Amino acid sequence: MQQQDLWKEEANQLKKDLATRQKQVIKREVEVRLPGQTPSQNKGQAPKHPQKNDTKSNDFLRRQLGL
């Protein structure tokens, strides 16, 4: 019985410690973008990756899609 009493005391101490422990909340802030709206920061700026009008790649992609 001595071992069981010791386990109960340790369990109660652990419950007490966990109850008083500060809870840590991690926030993940994500910018919500709706279709058709651009952020005001990017207005007037050139796109980072301009589209290439390469006819070879355009024809290749159209063939891949079956167009």
N, C-alpha and C. Protein backbone atom coordinates (compact mmCIF):
# COMPACT_ATOMS: atom_id res chain seq x y z
N MET A 1 0.81 -1.19 0.00
CA MET A 1 0.00 0.00 0.00
C MET A 1 0.85 1.25 0.00
N GLN A 2 2.05 1.13 0.47
CA GLN A 2 2.92 2.30 0.56
C GLN A 2 3.25 2.84 -0.84
N GLN A 3 3.48 1.95 -1.80
CA GLN A 3 3.79 2.35 -3.17
C GLN A 3 2.60 3.06 -3.81
N GLN A 4 1.39 2.55 -3.58
CA GLN A 4 0.20 3.16 -4.15
C GLN A 4 -0.05 4.54 -3.57
N ASP A 5 0.20 4.71 -2.28
CA ASP A 5 0.03 6.02 -1.65
C ASP A 5 1.00 7.03 -2.25
N LEU A 6 2.22 6.58 -2.49
CA LEU A 6 3.23 7.44 -3.09
C LEU A 6 2.81 7.86 -4.50
N TRP A 7 2.27 6.91 -5.29
CA TRP A 7 1.82 7.23 -6.64
C TRP A 7 0.65 8.21 -6.62
N LYS A 8 -0.26 8.06 -5.67
CA LYS A 8 -1.39 8.97 -5.56
C LYS A 8 -0.91 10.38 -5.21
N GLU A 9 0.05 10.47 -4.31
CA GLU A 9 0.59 11.78 -3.95
C GLU A 9 1.27 12.44 -5.16
N GLU A 10 2.03 11.65 -5.90
CA GLU A 10 2.69 12.19 -7.08
C GLU A 10 1.68 12.60 -8.14
N ALA A 11 0.62 11.82 -8.31
CA ALA A 11 -0.42 12.14 -9.28
C ALA A 11 -1.13 13.43 -8.89
N ASN A 12 -1.43 13.59 -7.61
CA ASN A 12 -2.09 14.81 -7.15
C ASN A 12 -1.18 16.02 -7.33
N GLN A 13 0.10 15.84 -7.04
CA GLN A 13 1.05 16.94 -7.22
C GLN A 13 1.16 17.33 -8.69
N LEU A 14 1.17 16.33 -9.57
CA LEU A 14 1.25 16.60 -11.00
C LEU A 14 0.00 17.34 -11.48
N LYS A 15 -1.18 16.93 -11.02
CA LYS A 15 -2.42 17.63 -11.38
C LYS A 15 -2.38 19.07 -10.92
N LYS A 16 -1.89 19.28 -9.71
CA LYS A 16 -1.80 20.64 -9.16
C LYS A 16 -0.83 21.49 -9.99
N ASP A 17 0.32 20.91 -10.35
CA ASP A 17 1.31 21.63 -11.13
C ASP A 17 0.77 21.98 -12.53
N LEU A 18 0.08 21.04 -13.15
CA LEU A 18 -0.46 21.28 -14.48
C LEU A 18 -1.58 22.31 -14.46
N ALA A 19 -2.34 22.35 -13.37
CA ALA A 19 -3.44 23.30 -13.26
C ALA A 19 -2.92 24.73 -13.10
N THR A 20 -1.78 24.89 -12.46
CA THR A 20 -1.24 26.23 -12.23
C THR A 20 -0.26 26.67 -13.31
N ARG A 21 0.06 25.78 -14.22
CA ARG A 21 1.01 26.12 -15.28
C ARG A 21 0.40 27.12 -16.24
N GLN A 22 1.21 28.09 -16.70
CA GLN A 22 0.72 29.06 -17.66
C GLN A 22 0.51 28.39 -19.01
N LYS A 23 -0.62 28.68 -19.60
CA LYS A 23 -0.93 28.13 -20.90
C LYS A 23 -0.27 29.00 -21.97
N GLN A 24 0.33 28.37 -22.96
CA GLN A 24 1.03 29.08 -24.02
C GLN A 24 0.18 29.02 -25.28
N VAL A 25 -0.19 30.20 -25.79
CA VAL A 25 -1.01 30.29 -26.98
C VAL A 25 -0.15 30.83 -28.11
N ILE A 26 -0.11 30.10 -29.21
CA ILE A 26 0.66 30.52 -30.37
C ILE A 26 -0.32 30.98 -31.44
N LYS A 27 -0.20 32.25 -31.85
CA LYS A 27 -1.09 32.80 -32.87
C LYS A 27 -0.39 32.75 -34.22
N ARG A 28 -1.15 32.33 -35.20
CA ARG A 28 -0.65 32.35 -36.57
C ARG A 28 -1.52 33.32 -37.35
N GLU A 29 -0.99 34.50 -37.61
CA GLU A 29 -1.76 35.50 -38.33
C GLU A 29 -1.55 35.30 -39.83
N VAL A 30 -2.67 35.21 -40.53
CA VAL A 30 -2.63 34.98 -41.96
C VAL A 30 -3.44 36.07 -42.64
N GLU A 31 -2.87 36.64 -43.69
CA GLU A 31 -3.56 37.67 -44.44
C GLU A 31 -4.62 37.02 -45.32
N VAL A 32 -5.83 37.51 -45.25
CA VAL A 32 -6.94 36.96 -46.03
C VAL A 32 -7.06 37.76 -47.31
N ARG A 33 -7.03 37.07 -48.43
CA ARG A 33 -7.15 37.73 -49.73
C ARG A 33 -8.41 37.23 -50.42
N LEU A 34 -9.19 38.16 -50.93
CA LEU A 34 -10.39 37.81 -51.67
C LEU A 34 -10.10 37.93 -53.15
N PRO A 35 -10.74 37.10 -53.98
CA PRO A 35 -10.49 37.17 -55.41
C PRO A 35 -10.91 38.52 -55.98
N GLY A 36 -10.10 39.04 -56.87
CA GLY A 36 -10.43 40.30 -57.52
C GLY A 36 -9.94 41.52 -56.76
N GLN A 37 -9.43 41.36 -55.59
CA GLN A 37 -8.93 42.48 -54.82
C GLN A 37 -7.43 42.34 -54.64
N THR A 38 -6.73 43.44 -54.85
CA THR A 38 -5.29 43.42 -54.65
C THR A 38 -4.96 44.27 -53.43
N PRO A 39 -3.96 43.92 -52.70
CA PRO A 39 -3.56 44.74 -51.55
C PRO A 39 -3.12 46.12 -52.01
N SER A 40 -3.37 47.13 -51.23
CA SER A 40 -3.04 48.50 -51.59
C SER A 40 -1.54 48.71 -51.69
N GLN A 41 -0.75 47.85 -51.06
CA GLN A 41 0.70 47.98 -51.10
C GLN A 41 1.24 47.67 -52.49
N ASN A 42 0.62 46.77 -53.22
CA ASN A 42 1.14 46.32 -54.50
C ASN A 42 0.63 47.15 -55.68
N LYS A 43 -0.21 48.12 -55.45
CA LYS A 43 -0.74 48.91 -56.56
C LYS A 43 0.37 49.75 -57.15
N GLY A 44 0.45 49.75 -58.46
CA GLY A 44 1.44 50.55 -59.15
C GLY A 44 2.79 49.87 -59.28
N GLN A 45 2.98 48.73 -58.71
CA GLN A 45 4.26 48.03 -58.81
C GLN A 45 4.16 46.99 -59.92
N ALA A 46 5.28 46.74 -60.55
CA ALA A 46 5.33 45.71 -61.59
C ALA A 46 5.30 44.34 -60.93
N PRO A 47 4.73 43.35 -61.59
CA PRO A 47 4.71 42.00 -61.02
C PRO A 47 6.12 41.46 -60.88
N LYS A 48 6.33 40.61 -59.91
CA LYS A 48 7.66 40.05 -59.66
C LYS A 48 8.12 39.15 -60.81
N HIS A 49 7.20 38.37 -61.36
CA HIS A 49 7.53 37.45 -62.44
C HIS A 49 6.68 37.79 -63.65
N PRO A 50 7.20 38.64 -64.54
CA PRO A 50 6.39 38.99 -65.71
C PRO A 50 6.17 37.76 -66.60
N GLN A 51 5.00 37.71 -67.22
CA GLN A 51 4.68 36.57 -68.07
C GLN A 51 5.46 36.68 -69.37
N LYS A 52 5.96 35.54 -69.83
CA LYS A 52 6.67 35.49 -71.09
C LYS A 52 5.69 35.08 -72.17
N ASN A 53 5.73 35.78 -73.29
CA ASN A 53 4.88 35.43 -74.42
C ASN A 53 5.69 34.64 -75.44
N ASP A 54 6.33 33.62 -74.96
CA ASP A 54 7.13 32.76 -75.81
C ASP A 54 6.19 31.82 -76.58
N THR A 55 6.21 31.91 -77.90
CA THR A 55 5.25 31.12 -78.69
C THR A 55 5.52 29.63 -78.60
N LYS A 56 6.80 29.24 -78.46
CA LYS A 56 7.10 27.81 -78.35
C LYS A 56 6.51 27.22 -77.08
N SER A 57 6.72 27.90 -75.96
CA SER A 57 6.19 27.36 -74.70
C SER A 57 4.66 27.44 -74.69
N ASN A 58 4.12 28.49 -75.31
CA ASN A 58 2.67 28.64 -75.38
C ASN A 58 2.06 27.49 -76.18
N ASP A 59 2.65 27.19 -77.34
CA ASP A 59 2.14 26.08 -78.16
C ASP A 59 2.30 24.75 -77.45
N PHE A 60 3.42 24.56 -76.77
CA PHE A 60 3.66 23.31 -76.04
C PHE A 60 2.60 23.12 -74.94
N LEU A 61 2.34 24.16 -74.20
CA LEU A 61 1.35 24.05 -73.13
C LEU A 61 -0.05 23.81 -73.69
N ARG A 62 -0.37 24.45 -74.79
CA ARG A 62 -1.68 24.24 -75.40
C ARG A 62 -1.83 22.78 -75.87
N ARG A 63 -0.75 22.20 -76.42
CA ARG A 63 -0.80 20.81 -76.85
C ARG A 63 -0.96 19.88 -75.63
N GLN A 64 -0.29 20.22 -74.53
CA GLN A 64 -0.40 19.40 -73.33
C GLN A 64 -1.83 19.40 -72.79
N LEU A 65 -2.48 20.55 -72.90
CA LEU A 65 -3.86 20.66 -72.40
C LEU A 65 -4.89 20.19 -73.41
N GLY A 66 -4.45 19.96 -74.63
CA GLY A 66 -5.39 19.49 -75.67
C GLY A 66 -6.20 20.62 -76.27
N LEU A 67 -5.64 21.82 -76.29
CA LEU A 67 -6.36 22.96 -76.86
C LEU A 67 -5.91 23.24 -78.27
